[in-house]
Amino acid sequence: MYVLIDNSYFIIRILNQKKVEIYCFNKNDNNEYLYTYPVCFVTHFIDINRMFILLSMFIHIQQLCTYHKLYLGKEILRANICINLEQLYIQS
């Protein structure tokens, strides 16, 4: 599941109950036939602060509305809690 706000959407996954992956897809309205590859961020859940530092420097994150940034932070936190509790994470 993904949420489209602004011109981007994110897919958040947990890999092997050890890593958090975030895929950023940027929708390009100028050329609908141009395929854009996602930007991927991966970090161990122990180093989740590094993920926030990387995301804060990413130009597309800086251009998002406040609601979208809060949603992304909430989902990263939920993924991190699921790893700690060894629960299944499903992005809402």
Protein backbone atom coordinates (compact mmCIF):
# COMPACT_ATOMS: atom_id res chain seq x y z
CA MET A 1 0.00 0.00 0.00
CA TYR A 2 1.18 3.53 -0.66
CA VAL A 3 -0.04 7.04 -0.05
CA LEU A 4 0.25 9.69 -2.76
CA ILE A 5 0.67 13.15 -1.36
CA ASP A 6 2.52 15.87 -3.23
CA ASN A 7 4.28 14.19 -6.17
CA SER A 8 5.95 11.38 -4.26
CA TYR A 9 5.07 8.19 -2.48
CA PHE A 10 6.98 5.88 -0.18
CA ILE A 11 7.03 2.16 0.40
CA ILE A 12 8.40 1.03 3.76
CA ARG A 13 9.50 -2.58 4.32
CA ILE A 14 11.25 -4.59 6.96
CA LEU A 15 13.96 -6.94 5.71
CA ASN A 16 14.90 -10.03 7.75
CA GLN A 17 13.61 -8.43 10.97
CA LYS A 18 16.85 -6.43 11.03
CA LYS A 19 16.66 -3.63 8.48
CA VAL A 20 14.21 -0.90 7.54
CA GLU A 21 13.96 -0.12 3.83
CA ILE A 22 12.33 2.99 2.42
CA TYR A 23 11.69 3.37 -1.30
CA CYS A 24 10.92 6.86 -2.55
CA PHE A 25 9.10 7.14 -5.87
CA ASN A 26 8.83 10.59 -7.40
CA LYS A 27 5.94 11.05 -9.80
CA ASN A 28 7.08 13.07 -12.80
CA ASP A 29 4.15 15.00 -14.28
CA ASN A 30 6.22 16.50 -17.09
CA ASN A 31 6.76 13.23 -18.94
CA GLU A 32 4.32 10.44 -18.15
CA TYR A 33 6.22 8.00 -20.35
CA LEU A 34 9.49 8.42 -18.46
CA TYR A 35 10.04 5.70 -15.87
CA THR A 36 11.74 6.96 -12.74
CA TYR A 37 13.54 4.51 -10.53
CA PRO A 38 13.00 4.71 -6.77
CA VAL A 39 15.55 6.08 -4.39
CA CYS A 40 16.21 3.49 -1.70
CA PHE A 41 17.30 4.04 1.90
CA VAL A 42 18.30 1.02 4.02
CA THR A 43 19.51 0.93 7.60
CA HIS A 44 19.65 -1.48 10.53
CA PHE A 45 16.89 -0.76 13.02
CA ILE A 46 19.58 -0.11 15.66
CA ASP A 47 20.83 2.85 13.56
CA ILE A 48 17.39 4.34 12.84
CA ASN A 49 18.68 7.85 13.62
CA ARG A 50 20.95 7.55 10.58
CA MET A 51 17.84 6.99 8.47
CA PHE A 52 16.36 10.26 9.70
CA ILE A 53 19.63 12.10 8.98
CA LEU A 54 19.75 10.68 5.43
CA LEU A 55 16.12 11.51 4.78
CA SER A 56 16.53 15.08 6.07
CA MET A 57 19.27 15.68 3.46
CA PHE A 58 17.27 14.16 0.57
CA ILE A 59 15.94 16.96 -1.67
CA HIS A 60 12.53 15.35 -2.31
CA ILE A 61 11.86 15.04 1.42
CA GLN A 62 12.59 18.73 1.90
CA GLN A 63 9.94 19.57 -0.70
CA LEU A 64 7.15 17.51 0.91
CA CYS A 65 4.27 19.00 2.84
CA THR A 66 4.33 18.76 6.63
CA TYR A 67 1.55 16.14 6.67
CA HIS A 68 3.56 13.83 4.41
CA LYS A 69 6.73 14.23 6.51
CA LEU A 70 4.77 13.39 9.68
CA TYR A 71 3.21 10.35 8.00
CA LEU A 72 6.64 9.11 6.93
CA GLY A 73 8.07 9.56 10.43
CA LYS A 74 5.11 7.74 11.96
CA GLU A 75 5.51 4.79 9.62
CA ILE A 76 9.26 4.55 10.26
CA LEU A 77 8.55 4.54 14.00
CA ARG A 78 5.88 1.83 13.57
CA ALA A 79 8.32 -0.28 11.53
CA ASN A 80 10.97 0.13 14.21
CA ILE A 81 8.52 -0.90 16.96
CA CYS A 82 7.48 -3.97 14.94
CA ILE A 83 11.11 -5.03 14.63
CA ASN A 84 11.67 -4.62 18.38
CA LEU A 85 8.52 -6.61 19.20
CA GLU A 86 9.14 -9.17 16.43
CA GLN A 87 5.75 -8.41 14.91
CA LEU A 88 4.64 -8.27 11.29
CA TYR A 89 4.72 -4.72 9.88
CA ILE A 90 2.10 -3.63 7.37
CA GLN A 91 2.28 -0.05 6.10
CA SER A 92 -0.97 1.82 6.61
